[in-house]
Amino acid sequence: MSRRSNRHQRQPPWPEKKAAIDFEQSLADLQALVERLENGELSLEDSLTAFEQGIGLTRDCQSALTQAEQKVQVLLERDGELRAEPFDAEQPE
């Protein structure tokens, strides 16, 4: 049996989700839910349902942000060591 090198088949260190989370849409949905809750016109049951949906959207957004951060850190990897560097929008490319 021949052994193939796993070097070229290396998996990324972050988990891939089957369906990509649309961060912007999830955030917009979360903001709409917050507005509905703050409006105060929802029944208790509808408020609890909206709150539950908001928790799910918050977790989805946090997961997307964490994955993006991990990808950025991997891209900054140098000499086999992970080097986290702060983002500076003013810095020239």
C-alpha atoms as a PDB file:
ATOM      1  CA  MET A   1       0.000   0.000   0.000  1.00  0.00           C
ATOM      2  CA  SER A   2       1.315   3.386  -0.879  1.00  0.00           C
ATOM      3  CA  ARG A   3       0.920   6.252   1.509  1.00  0.00           C
ATOM      4  CA  ARG A   4      -0.146   9.572   0.145  1.00  0.00           C
ATOM      5  CA  SER A   5       1.155  12.721   1.655  1.00  0.00           C
ATOM      6  CA  ASN A   6      -1.457  14.544   3.686  1.00  0.00           C
ATOM      7  CA  ARG A   7       0.489  17.728   3.196  1.00  0.00           C
ATOM      8  CA  HIS A   8      -1.452  18.723   0.094  1.00  0.00           C
ATOM      9  CA  GLN A   9      -4.771  17.559   1.516  1.00  0.00           C
ATOM     10  CA  ARG A  10      -4.487  19.549   4.712  1.00  0.00           C
ATOM     11  CA  GLN A  11      -7.809  20.566   6.178  1.00  0.00           C
ATOM     12  CA  PRO A  12      -8.295  24.094   7.477  1.00  0.00           C
ATOM     13  CA  PRO A  13      -8.178  24.371  11.283  1.00  0.00           C
ATOM     14  CA  TRP A  14     -11.672  25.892  11.437  1.00  0.00           C
ATOM     15  CA  PRO A  15     -14.835  23.826  11.052  1.00  0.00           C
ATOM     16  CA  GLU A  16     -16.663  24.242   7.767  1.00  0.00           C
ATOM     17  CA  LYS A  17     -20.427  24.490   7.983  1.00  0.00           C
ATOM     18  CA  LYS A  18     -22.637  22.862   5.358  1.00  0.00           C
ATOM     19  CA  ALA A  19     -24.558  26.074   4.795  1.00  0.00           C
ATOM     20  CA  ALA A  20     -22.621  29.293   5.041  1.00  0.00           C
ATOM     21  CA  ILE A  21     -24.016  31.775   7.505  1.00  0.00           C
ATOM     22  CA  ASP A  22     -24.909  35.089   5.929  1.00  0.00           C
ATOM     23  CA  PHE A  23     -23.613  37.324   8.701  1.00  0.00           C
ATOM     24  CA  GLU A  24     -25.132  40.524   7.358  1.00  0.00           C
ATOM     25  CA  GLN A  25     -28.591  38.975   6.940  1.00  0.00           C
ATOM     26  CA  SER A  26     -28.462  37.385  10.399  1.00  0.00           C
ATOM     27  CA  LEU A  27     -27.454  40.712  11.924  1.00  0.00           C
ATOM     28  CA  ALA A  28     -30.260  42.541  10.094  1.00  0.00           C
ATOM     29  CA  ASP A  29     -32.765  39.923  11.283  1.00  0.00           C
ATOM     30  CA  LEU A  30     -31.470  40.307  14.837  1.00  0.00           C
ATOM     31  CA  GLN A  31     -31.820  44.092  14.683  1.00  0.00           C
ATOM     32  CA  ALA A  32     -35.398  43.735  13.404  1.00  0.00           C
ATOM     33  CA  LEU A  33     -36.224  41.378  16.279  1.00  0.00           C
ATOM     34  CA  VAL A  34     -34.769  43.810  18.813  1.00  0.00           C
ATOM     35  CA  GLU A  35     -36.884  46.623  17.366  1.00  0.00           C
ATOM     36  CA  ARG A  36     -40.027  44.473  17.624  1.00  0.00           C
ATOM     37  CA  LEU A  37     -39.202  43.580  21.224  1.00  0.00           C
ATOM     38  CA  GLU A  38     -38.441  47.190  22.168  1.00  0.00           C
ATOM     39  CA  ASN A  39     -41.684  48.341  20.538  1.00  0.00           C
ATOM     40  CA  GLY A  40     -43.591  46.544  23.302  1.00  0.00           C
ATOM     41  CA  GLU A  41     -46.538  45.536  21.128  1.00  0.00           C
ATOM     42  CA  LEU A  42     -45.799  41.786  21.128  1.00  0.00           C
ATOM     43  CA  SER A  43     -47.656  39.394  23.377  1.00  0.00           C
ATOM     44  CA  LEU A  44     -45.693  37.558  26.038  1.00  0.00           C
ATOM     45  CA  GLU A  45     -45.660  34.387  23.939  1.00  0.00           C
ATOM     46  CA  ASP A  46     -44.552  36.259  20.803  1.00  0.00           C
ATOM     47  CA  SER A  47     -41.901  38.089  22.832  1.00  0.00           C
ATOM     48  CA  LEU A  48     -40.493  34.802  24.121  1.00  0.00           C
ATOM     49  CA  THR A  49     -40.469  33.363  20.593  1.00  0.00           C
ATOM     50  CA  ALA A  50     -38.702  36.474  19.259  1.00  0.00           C
ATOM     51  CA  PHE A  51     -36.219  36.348  22.141  1.00  0.00           C
ATOM     52  CA  GLU A  52     -35.466  32.687  21.409  1.00  0.00           C
ATOM     53  CA  GLN A  53     -34.925  33.487  17.723  1.00  0.00           C
ATOM     54  CA  GLY A  54     -32.672  36.374  18.729  1.00  0.00           C
ATOM     55  CA  ILE A  55     -30.524  34.091  20.873  1.00  0.00           C
ATOM     56  CA  GLY A  56     -30.109  31.749  17.892  1.00  0.00           C
ATOM     57  CA  LEU A  57     -29.194  34.622  15.580  1.00  0.00           C
ATOM     58  CA  THR A  58     -26.727  35.976  18.144  1.00  0.00           C
ATOM     59  CA  ARG A  59     -25.026  32.588  18.325  1.00  0.00           C
ATOM     60  CA  ASP A  60     -24.918  32.347  14.522  1.00  0.00           C
ATOM     61  CA  CYS A  61     -23.342  35.808  14.261  1.00  0.00           C
ATOM     62  CA  GLN A  62     -20.807  35.041  16.999  1.00  0.00           C
ATOM     63  CA  SER A  63     -19.904  31.780  15.286  1.00  0.00           C
ATOM     64  CA  ALA A  64     -19.402  33.559  11.953  1.00  0.00           C
ATOM     65  CA  LEU A  65     -17.201  36.190  13.618  1.00  0.00           C
ATOM     66  CA  THR A  66     -15.146  33.534  15.403  1.00  0.00           C
ATOM     67  CA  GLN A  67     -14.620  31.620  12.163  1.00  0.00           C
ATOM     68  CA  ALA A  68     -13.583  34.791  10.344  1.00  0.00           C
ATOM     69  CA  GLU A  69     -11.128  35.631  13.126  1.00  0.00           C
ATOM     70  CA  GLN A  70      -9.632  32.139  12.971  1.00  0.00           C
ATOM     71  CA  LYS A  71      -9.225  32.391   9.202  1.00  0.00           C
ATOM     72  CA  VAL A  72      -7.452  35.744   9.547  1.00  0.00           C
ATOM     73  CA  GLN A  73      -5.106  34.295  12.174  1.00  0.00           C
ATOM     74  CA  VAL A  74      -4.280  31.360   9.901  1.00  0.00           C
ATOM     75  CA  LEU A  75      -3.503  33.775   7.083  1.00  0.00           C
ATOM     76  CA  LEU A  76      -1.131  35.609   9.406  1.00  0.00           C
ATOM     77  CA  GLU A  77       0.687  32.405  10.322  1.00  0.00           C
ATOM     78  CA  ARG A  78       4.419  32.807   9.845  1.00  0.00           C
ATOM     79  CA  ASP A  79       7.298  30.400  10.399  1.00  0.00           C
ATOM     80  CA  GLY A  80       4.962  27.773  11.799  1.00  0.00           C
ATOM     81  CA  GLU A  81       3.840  30.043  14.622  1.00  0.00           C
ATOM     82  CA  LEU A  82       0.520  31.770  14.864  1.00  0.00           C
ATOM     83  CA  ARG A  83       0.907  35.486  15.157  1.00  0.00           C
ATOM     84  CA  ALA A  84      -2.204  37.404  16.085  1.00  0.00           C
ATOM     85  CA  GLU A  85      -1.897  40.989  14.929  1.00  0.00           C
ATOM     86  CA  PRO A  86      -4.415  43.750  15.602  1.00  0.00           C
ATOM     87  CA  PHE A  87      -6.371  45.014  12.628  1.00  0.00           C
ATOM     88  CA  ASP A  88      -5.459  48.534  11.565  1.00  0.00           C
ATOM     89  CA  ALA A  89      -7.701  49.977   8.848  1.00  0.00           C
ATOM     90  CA  GLU A  90      -5.369  52.965   8.472  1.00  0.00           C
ATOM     91  CA  GLN A  91      -2.292  50.852   7.736  1.00  0.00           C
ATOM     92  CA  PRO A  92      -1.182  50.881   4.052  1.00  0.00           C
ATOM     93  CA  GLU A  93      -1.246  47.554   2.228  1.00  0.00           C
END
